[in-house]
PDB file of all heavy atoms in Angstrom:
ATOM      1  N   ILE A   1     228.353 199.228 140.375  1.00  0.00           N
ATOM      2  CA  ILE A   1     228.178 198.703 139.019  1.00  0.00           C
ATOM      3  C   ILE A   1     229.237 199.286 138.043  1.00  0.00           C
ATOM      4  O   ILE A   1     229.814 198.564 137.257  1.00  0.00           O
ATOM      5  CB  ILE A   1     226.770 199.052 138.509  1.00  0.00           C
ATOM      6  CG1 ILE A   1     225.666 198.451 139.357  1.00  0.00           C
ATOM      7  CG2 ILE A   1     226.606 198.700 137.019  1.00  0.00           C
ATOM      8  CD1 ILE A   1     225.706 196.932 139.379  1.00  0.00           C
ATOM      9  N   VAL A   2     229.499 200.617 138.203  1.00  0.00           N
ATOM     10  CA  VAL A   2     230.475 201.207 137.318  1.00  0.00           C
ATOM     11  C   VAL A   2     231.875 200.519 137.551  1.00  0.00           C
ATOM     12  O   VAL A   2     232.629 200.226 136.598  1.00  0.00           O
ATOM     13  CB  VAL A   2     230.593 202.727 137.619  1.00  0.00           C
ATOM     14  CG1 VAL A   2     231.873 203.307 136.984  1.00  0.00           C
ATOM     15  CG2 VAL A   2     229.381 203.393 137.023  1.00  0.00           C
ATOM     16  N   THR A   3     232.194 200.294 138.841  1.00  0.00           N
ATOM     17  CA  THR A   3     233.514 199.700 139.133  1.00  0.00           C
ATOM     18  C   THR A   3     233.578 198.223 138.817  1.00  0.00           C
ATOM     19  O   THR A   3     234.614 197.705 138.306  1.00  0.00           O
ATOM     20  CB  THR A   3     233.798 199.851 140.632  1.00  0.00           C
ATOM     21  OG1 THR A   3     233.794 201.256 140.934  1.00  0.00           O
ATOM     22  CG2 THR A   3     235.186 199.292 140.998  1.00  0.00           C
ATOM     23  N   GLY A   4     232.462 197.515 139.043  1.00  0.00           N
ATOM     24  CA  GLY A   4     232.490 196.074 138.935  1.00  0.00           C
ATOM     25  C   GLY A   4     231.996 195.455 137.612  1.00  0.00           C
ATOM     26  O   GLY A   4     232.202 194.273 137.380  1.00  0.00           O
ATOM     27  N   ALA A   5     231.350 196.222 136.779  1.00  0.00           N
ATOM     28  CA  ALA A   5     230.725 195.696 135.571  1.00  0.00           C
ATOM     29  C   ALA A   5     231.309 196.250 134.284  1.00  0.00           C
ATOM     30  O   ALA A   5     231.273 195.574 133.240  1.00  0.00           O
ATOM     31  CB  ALA A   5     229.241 195.875 135.587  1.00  0.00           C
ATOM     32  N   LEU A   6     231.787 197.511 134.322  1.00  0.00           N
ATOM     33  CA  LEU A   6     232.433 198.072 133.154  1.00  0.00           C
ATOM     34  C   LEU A   6     233.900 197.634 133.108  1.00  0.00           C
ATOM     35  O   LEU A   6     234.497 197.344 134.142  1.00  0.00           O
ATOM     36  CB  LEU A   6     232.420 199.610 133.154  1.00  0.00           C
ATOM     37  CG  LEU A   6     231.125 200.250 132.576  1.00  0.00           C
ATOM     38  CD1 LEU A   6     229.939 199.932 133.434  1.00  0.00           C
ATOM     39  CD2 LEU A   6     231.286 201.731 132.392  1.00  0.00           C
ATOM     40  N   SER A   7     234.448 197.541 131.911  1.00  0.00           N
ATOM     41  CA  SER A   7     235.859 197.183 131.792  1.00  0.00           C
ATOM     42  C   SER A   7     236.748 198.308 132.241  1.00  0.00           C
ATOM     43  O   SER A   7     236.352 199.495 132.238  1.00  0.00           O
ATOM     44  CB  SER A   7     236.228 196.803 130.345  1.00  0.00           C
ATOM     45  OG  SER A   7     236.173 197.937 129.503  1.00  0.00           O
ATOM     46  N   GLY A   8     237.983 197.964 132.598  1.00  0.00           N
ATOM     47  CA  GLY A   8     238.945 199.004 132.961  1.00  0.00           C
ATOM     48  C   GLY A   8     239.179 200.006 131.768  1.00  0.00           C
ATOM     49  O   GLY A   8     239.348 201.180 131.983  1.00  0.00           O
ATOM     50  N   ALA A   9     239.187 199.465 130.556  1.00  0.00           N
ATOM     51  CA  ALA A   9     239.379 200.317 129.371  1.00  0.00           C
ATOM     52  C   ALA A   9     238.258 201.286 129.211  1.00  0.00           C
ATOM     53  O   ALA A   9     238.431 202.465 128.865  1.00  0.00           O
ATOM     54  CB  ALA A   9     239.512 199.425 128.108  1.00  0.00           C
ATOM     55  N   SER A  10     237.019 200.854 129.452  1.00  0.00           N
ATOM     56  CA  SER A  10     235.885 201.741 129.366  1.00  0.00           C
ATOM     57  C   SER A  10     235.938 202.811 130.431  1.00  0.00           C
ATOM     58  O   SER A  10     235.680 204.002 130.141  1.00  0.00           O
ATOM     59  CB  SER A  10     234.576 200.964 129.500  1.00  0.00           C
ATOM     60  OG  SER A  10     234.352 200.099 128.375  1.00  0.00           O
ATOM     61  N   ARG A  11     236.279 202.417 131.589  1.00  0.00           N
ATOM     62  CA  ARG A  11     236.366 203.410 132.716  1.00  0.00           C
ATOM     63  C   ARG A  11     237.462 204.472 132.433  1.00  0.00           C
ATOM     64  O   ARG A  11     237.271 205.630 132.792  1.00  0.00           O
ATOM     65  CB  ARG A  11     236.623 202.748 134.027  1.00  0.00           C
ATOM     66  CG  ARG A  11     235.463 201.893 134.540  1.00  0.00           C
ATOM     67  CD  ARG A  11     235.603 201.522 136.006  1.00  0.00           C
ATOM     68  NE  ARG A  11     236.851 200.939 136.347  1.00  0.00           N
ATOM     69  CZ  ARG A  11     237.088 199.630 136.264  1.00  0.00           C
ATOM     70  NH1 ARG A  11     236.139 198.811 135.824  1.00  0.00           N
ATOM     71  NH2 ARG A  11     238.274 199.133 136.598  1.00  0.00           N
ATOM     72  N   ALA A  12     238.516 204.029 131.759  1.00  0.00           N
ATOM     73  CA  ALA A  12     239.654 204.940 131.550  1.00  0.00           C
ATOM     74  C   ALA A  12     239.426 205.821 130.321  1.00  0.00           C
ATOM     75  O   ALA A  12     239.862 206.980 130.309  1.00  0.00           O
ATOM     76  CB  ALA A  12     240.924 204.120 131.336  1.00  0.00           C
ATOM     77  N   SER A  13     238.772 205.312 129.296  1.00  0.00           N
ATOM     78  CA  SER A  13     238.725 206.040 127.992  1.00  0.00           C
ATOM     79  C   SER A  13     237.317 206.280 127.419  1.00  0.00           C
ATOM     80  O   SER A  13     237.245 206.893 126.367  1.00  0.00           O
ATOM     81  CB  SER A  13     239.565 205.266 126.967  1.00  0.00           C
ATOM     82  OG  SER A  13     238.979 204.009 126.734  1.00  0.00           O
ATOM     83  N   ASN A  14     236.315 205.855 128.153  1.00  0.00           N
ATOM     84  CA  ASN A  14     234.945 206.073 127.658  1.00  0.00           C
ATOM     85  C   ASN A  14     234.082 206.650 128.749  1.00  0.00           C
ATOM     86  O   ASN A  14     233.170 206.034 129.270  1.00  0.00           O
ATOM     87  CB  ASN A  14     234.384 204.743 127.181  1.00  0.00           C
ATOM     88  CG  ASN A  14     233.085 204.890 126.361  1.00  0.00           C
ATOM     89  OD1 ASN A  14     232.541 205.988 126.298  1.00  0.00           O
ATOM     90  ND2 ASN A  14     232.648 203.794 125.768  1.00  0.00           N
ATOM     91  N   PRO A  15     234.338 207.960 129.137  1.00  0.00           N
ATOM     92  CA  PRO A  15     233.578 208.567 130.182  1.00  0.00           C
ATOM     93  C   PRO A  15     232.090 208.659 129.903  1.00  0.00           C
ATOM     94  O   PRO A  15     231.301 208.608 130.877  1.00  0.00           O
ATOM     95  CB  PRO A  15     234.232 209.961 130.324  1.00  0.00           C
ATOM     96  CG  PRO A  15     234.901 210.174 129.004  1.00  0.00           C
ATOM     97  CD  PRO A  15     235.330 208.846 128.538  1.00  0.00           C
ATOM     98  N   ALA A  16     231.692 208.754 128.661  1.00  0.00           N
ATOM     99  CA  ALA A  16     230.259 208.799 128.341  1.00  0.00           C
ATOM    100  C   ALA A  16     229.575 207.536 128.734  1.00  0.00           C
ATOM    101  O   ALA A  16     228.410 207.551 129.242  1.00  0.00           O
ATOM    102  CB  ALA A  16     230.028 209.069 126.869  1.00  0.00           C
ATOM    103  N   ALA A  17     230.251 206.359 128.612  1.00  0.00           N
ATOM    104  CA  ALA A  17     229.654 205.107 129.048  1.00  0.00           C
ATOM    105  C   ALA A  17     229.503 205.075 130.545  1.00  0.00           C
ATOM    106  O   ALA A  17     228.500 204.607 131.095  1.00  0.00           O
ATOM    107  CB  ALA A  17     230.518 203.933 128.591  1.00  0.00           C
ATOM    108  N   VAL A  18     230.514 205.533 131.276  1.00  0.00           N
ATOM    109  CA  VAL A  18     230.436 205.637 132.743  1.00  0.00           C
ATOM    110  C   VAL A  18     229.251 206.462 133.177  1.00  0.00           C
ATOM    111  O   VAL A  18     228.425 206.048 134.065  1.00  0.00           O
ATOM    112  CB  VAL A  18     231.728 206.149 133.343  1.00  0.00           C
ATOM    113  CG1 VAL A  18     231.641 206.399 134.839  1.00  0.00           C
ATOM    114  CG2 VAL A  18     232.920 205.206 133.009  1.00  0.00           C
ATOM    115  N   VAL A  19     229.118 207.626 132.595  1.00  0.00           N
ATOM    116  CA  VAL A  19     228.014 208.533 132.966  1.00  0.00           C
ATOM    117  C   VAL A  19     226.688 207.898 132.656  1.00  0.00           C
ATOM    118  O   VAL A  19     225.749 207.925 133.463  1.00  0.00           O
ATOM    119  CB  VAL A  19     228.161 209.853 132.211  1.00  0.00           C
ATOM    120  CG1 VAL A  19     226.931 210.737 132.411  1.00  0.00           C
ATOM    121  CG2 VAL A  19     229.403 210.621 132.693  1.00  0.00           C
ATOM    122  N   ALA A  20     226.541 207.267 131.453  1.00  0.00           N
ATOM    123  CA  ALA A  20     225.285 206.673 131.043  1.00  0.00           C
ATOM    124  C   ALA A  20     224.852 205.554 131.970  1.00  0.00           C
ATOM    125  O   ALA A  20     223.708 205.502 132.430  1.00  0.00           O
ATOM    126  CB  ALA A  20     225.430 206.151 129.620  1.00  0.00           C
ATOM    127  N   VAL A  21     225.781 204.688 132.346  1.00  0.00           N
ATOM    128  CA  VAL A  21     225.415 203.534 133.189  1.00  0.00           C
ATOM    129  C   VAL A  21     225.115 204.020 134.590  1.00  0.00           C
ATOM    130  O   VAL A  21     224.085 203.609 135.176  1.00  0.00           O
ATOM    131  CB  VAL A  21     226.613 202.523 133.245  1.00  0.00           C
ATOM    132  CG1 VAL A  21     226.317 201.477 134.317  1.00  0.00           C
ATOM    133  CG2 VAL A  21     226.778 201.862 131.870  1.00  0.00           C
ATOM    134  N   ARG A  22     225.884 204.992 135.112  1.00  0.00           N
ATOM    135  CA  ARG A  22     225.592 205.498 136.459  1.00  0.00           C
ATOM    136  C   ARG A  22     224.214 206.156 136.500  1.00  0.00           C
ATOM    137  O   ARG A  22     223.441 205.970 137.417  1.00  0.00           O
ATOM    138  CB  ARG A  22     226.700 206.438 136.929  1.00  0.00           C
ATOM    139  CG  ARG A  22     226.652 206.746 138.408  1.00  0.00           C
ATOM    140  CD  ARG A  22     227.859 207.588 138.832  1.00  0.00           C
ATOM    141  NE  ARG A  22     227.885 207.592 140.313  1.00  0.00           N
ATOM    142  CZ  ARG A  22     227.181 208.369 141.077  1.00  0.00           C
ATOM    143  NH1 ARG A  22     226.290 209.199 140.536  1.00  0.00           N
ATOM    144  NH2 ARG A  22     227.285 208.310 142.414  1.00  0.00           N
ATOM    145  N   GLU A  23     223.890 206.927 135.466  1.00  0.00           N
ATOM    146  CA  GLU A  23     222.591 207.621 135.405  1.00  0.00           C
ATOM    147  C   GLU A  23     221.427 206.638 135.303  1.00  0.00           C
ATOM    148  O   GLU A  23     220.402 206.841 135.936  1.00  0.00           O
ATOM    149  CB  GLU A  23     222.597 208.624 134.246  1.00  0.00           C
ATOM    150  CG  GLU A  23     221.310 209.437 134.137  1.00  0.00           C
ATOM    151  CD  GLU A  23     221.191 210.437 135.277  1.00  0.00           C
ATOM    152  OE1 GLU A  23     222.146 210.605 136.053  1.00  0.00           O
ATOM    153  OE2 GLU A  23     220.140 211.096 135.356  1.00  0.00           O
ATOM    154  N   LEU A  24     221.593 205.592 134.521  1.00  0.00           N
ATOM    155  CA  LEU A  24     220.553 204.551 134.405  1.00  0.00           C
ATOM    156  C   LEU A  24     220.254 203.958 135.773  1.00  0.00           C
ATOM    157  O   LEU A  24     219.099 203.792 136.147  1.00  0.00           O
ATOM    158  CB  LEU A  24     220.983 203.460 133.437  1.00  0.00           C
ATOM    159  CG  LEU A  24     220.832 203.763 131.967  1.00  0.00           C
ATOM    160  CD1 LEU A  24     221.636 202.764 131.143  1.00  0.00           C
ATOM    161  CD2 LEU A  24     219.342 203.714 131.562  1.00  0.00           C
ATOM    162  N   ILE A  25     221.268 203.601 136.538  1.00  0.00           N
ATOM    163  CA  ILE A  25     221.103 202.972 137.842  1.00  0.00           C
ATOM    164  C   ILE A  25     220.488 203.981 138.814  1.00  0.00           C
ATOM    165  O   ILE A  25     219.494 203.664 139.540  1.00  0.00           O
ATOM    166  CB  ILE A  25     222.433 202.483 138.414  1.00  0.00           C
ATOM    167  CG1 ILE A  25     223.104 201.481 137.507  1.00  0.00           C
ATOM    168  CG2 ILE A  25     222.181 201.850 139.811  1.00  0.00           C
ATOM    169  CD1 ILE A  25     222.343 200.222 137.210  1.00  0.00           C
ATOM    170  N   MET A  26     220.952 205.207 138.792  1.00  0.00           N
ATOM    171  CA  MET A  26     220.437 206.196 139.724  1.00  0.00           C
ATOM    172  C   MET A  26     218.981 206.544 139.535  1.00  0.00           C
ATOM    173  O   MET A  26     218.277 206.945 140.462  1.00  0.00           O
ATOM    174  CB  MET A  26     221.277 207.500 139.618  1.00  0.00           C
ATOM    175  CG  MET A  26     222.698 207.363 140.163  1.00  0.00           C
ATOM    176  SD  MET A  26     222.742 207.224 141.951  1.00  0.00           S
ATOM    177  CE  MET A  26     222.155 208.837 142.462  1.00  0.00           C
ATOM    178  N   ARG A  27     218.487 206.376 138.299  1.00  0.00           N
ATOM    179  CA  ARG A  27     217.123 206.713 138.028  1.00  0.00           C
ATOM    180  C   ARG A  27     216.136 205.550 138.208  1.00  0.00           C
ATOM    181  O   ARG A  27     214.932 205.716 138.004  1.00  0.00           O
ATOM    182  CB  ARG A  27     217.001 207.234 136.574  1.00  0.00           C
ATOM    183  CG  ARG A  27     217.585 208.678 136.370  1.00  0.00           C
ATOM    184  CD  ARG A  27     217.241 209.261 135.070  1.00  0.00           C
ATOM    185  NE  ARG A  27     217.708 210.652 134.977  1.00  0.00           N
ATOM    186  CZ  ARG A  27     216.988 211.691 135.412  1.00  0.00           C
ATOM    187  NH1 ARG A  27     215.779 211.503 135.938  1.00  0.00           N
ATOM    188  NH2 ARG A  27     217.521 212.867 135.289  1.00  0.00           N
ATOM    189  N   GLN A  28     216.610 204.445 138.648  1.00  0.00           N
ATOM    190  CA  GLN A  28     215.734 203.331 138.948  1.00  0.00           C
ATOM    191  C   GLN A  28     214.881 203.553 140.175  1.00  0.00           C
ATOM    192  O   GLN A  28     215.367 204.210 141.145  1.00  0.00           O
ATOM    193  CB  GLN A  28     216.514 201.975 139.115  1.00  0.00           C
ATOM    194  CG  GLN A  28     217.300 201.536 137.877  1.00  0.00           C
ATOM    195  CD  GLN A  28     216.415 201.214 136.702  1.00  0.00           C
ATOM    196  OE1 GLN A  28     215.366 200.591 136.810  1.00  0.00           O
ATOM    197  NE2 GLN A  28     216.846 201.622 135.539  1.00  0.00           N
ATOM    198  N   GLN A  29     213.682 203.049 140.184  1.00  0.00           N
ATOM    199  CA  GLN A  29     212.833 203.087 141.356  1.00  0.00           C
ATOM    200  C   GLN A  29     213.433 202.029 142.370  1.00  0.00           C
ATOM    201  O   GLN A  29     213.540 200.866 142.042  1.00  0.00           O
ATOM    202  CB  GLN A  29     211.424 202.723 141.055  1.00  0.00           C
ATOM    203  CG  GLN A  29     210.832 203.666 139.966  1.00  0.00           C
ATOM    204  CD  GLN A  29     209.584 203.094 139.354  1.00  0.00           C
ATOM    205  OE1 GLN A  29     208.482 203.230 139.899  1.00  0.00           O
ATOM    206  NE2 GLN A  29     209.685 202.387 138.205  1.00  0.00           N
ATOM    207  N   PRO A  30     213.790 202.442 143.607  1.00  0.00           N
ATOM    208  CA  PRO A  30     214.463 201.519 144.490  1.00  0.00           C
ATOM    209  C   PRO A  30     213.693 200.223 144.723  1.00  0.00           C
ATOM    210  O   PRO A  30     214.304 199.150 144.684  1.00  0.00           O
ATOM    211  CB  PRO A  30     214.591 202.316 145.800  1.00  0.00           C
ATOM    212  CG  PRO A  30     214.675 203.754 145.329  1.00  0.00           C
ATOM    213  CD  PRO A  30     213.746 203.824 144.150  1.00  0.00           C
ATOM    214  N   GLU A  31     212.363 200.269 144.947  1.00  0.00           N
ATOM    215  CA  GLU A  31     211.651 199.016 145.148  1.00  0.00           C
ATOM    216  C   GLU A  31     211.585 198.182 143.892  1.00  0.00           C
ATOM    217  O   GLU A  31     211.706 196.910 143.964  1.00  0.00           O
ATOM    218  CB  GLU A  31     210.222 199.353 145.672  1.00  0.00           C
ATOM    219  CG  GLU A  31     209.410 198.093 145.964  1.00  0.00           C
ATOM    220  CD  GLU A  31     210.013 197.181 147.037  1.00  0.00           C
ATOM    221  OE1 GLU A  31     210.778 197.671 147.907  1.00  0.00           O
ATOM    222  OE2 GLU A  31     209.709 195.972 147.007  1.00  0.00           O
ATOM    223  N   GLY A  32     211.428 198.801 142.777  1.00  0.00           N
ATOM    224  CA  GLY A  32     211.380 198.041 141.533  1.00  0.00           C
ATOM    225  C   GLY A  32     212.754 197.390 141.253  1.00  0.00           C
ATOM    226  O   GLY A  32     212.836 196.229 140.802  1.00  0.00           O
ATOM    227  N   TYR A  33     213.815 198.157 141.521  1.00  0.00           N
ATOM    228  CA  TYR A  33     215.141 197.600 141.335  1.00  0.00           C
ATOM    229  C   TYR A  33     215.374 196.427 142.306  1.00  0.00           C
ATOM    230  O   TYR A  33     215.929 195.366 141.912  1.00  0.00           O
ATOM    231  CB  TYR A  33     216.178 198.683 141.560  1.00  0.00           C
ATOM    232  CG  TYR A  33     217.642 198.246 141.284  1.00  0.00           C
ATOM    233  CD1 TYR A  33     218.131 198.253 139.981  1.00  0.00           C
ATOM    234  CD2 TYR A  33     218.445 197.787 142.286  1.00  0.00           C
ATOM    235  CE1 TYR A  33     219.420 197.830 139.727  1.00  0.00           C
ATOM    236  CE2 TYR A  33     219.738 197.387 142.080  1.00  0.00           C
ATOM    237  CZ  TYR A  33     220.229 197.401 140.758  1.00  0.00           C
ATOM    238  OH  TYR A  33     221.522 196.950 140.494  1.00  0.00           O
ATOM    239  N   ALA A  34     214.964 196.596 143.552  1.00  0.00           N
ATOM    240  CA  ALA A  34     215.118 195.538 144.534  1.00  0.00           C
ATOM    241  C   ALA A  34     214.389 194.256 144.055  1.00  0.00           C
ATOM    242  O   ALA A  34     214.959 193.159 144.178  1.00  0.00           O
ATOM    243  CB  ALA A  34     214.634 195.983 145.913  1.00  0.00           C
TER     244      ALA A  34
END
Protein backbone atom coordinates (compact mmCIF):
# COMPACT_ATOMS: atom_id res chain seq x y z
CA ILE A 1 0.00 0.00 0.00
CA VAL A 2 2.79 2.43 0.90
CA THR A 3 4.55 1.74 -2.41
CA GLY A 4 1.48 1.53 -4.61
CA ALA A 5 -0.98 4.06 -3.18
CA LEU A 6 1.06 6.98 -1.83
CA SER A 7 2.62 9.40 -4.29
CA GLY A 8 6.35 9.43 -4.89
CA ALA A 9 6.46 12.95 -3.43
CA SER A 10 4.80 11.78 -0.23
CA ARG A 11 7.15 8.83 0.14
CA ALA A 12 10.14 11.10 -0.39
CA SER A 13 9.18 14.11 1.72
CA ASN A 14 6.33 13.15 4.05
CA PRO A 15 7.61 10.33 6.28
CA ALA A 16 4.81 10.93 8.81
CA ALA A 17 2.26 9.98 6.13
CA VAL A 18 4.18 6.79 5.32
CA VAL A 19 4.31 5.81 8.99
CA ALA A 20 0.63 6.61 9.54
CA VAL A 21 -0.62 4.61 6.57
CA ARG A 22 1.61 1.63 7.33
CA GLU A 23 0.49 1.61 10.97
CA LEU A 24 -3.19 1.78 10.00
CA ILE A 25 -2.82 -1.27 7.76
CA MET A 26 -0.75 -3.23 10.28
CA ARG A 27 -3.37 -2.73 13.00
CA GLN A 28 -6.25 -4.14 10.96
CA GLN A 29 -7.78 -7.45 11.98
CA PRO A 30 -6.70 -9.84 9.18
CA GLU A 31 -10.12 -11.49 8.75
CA GLY A 32 -11.94 -8.17 8.88
CA TYR A 33 -9.53 -6.71 6.34
CA ALA A 34 -9.95 -9.76 4.10
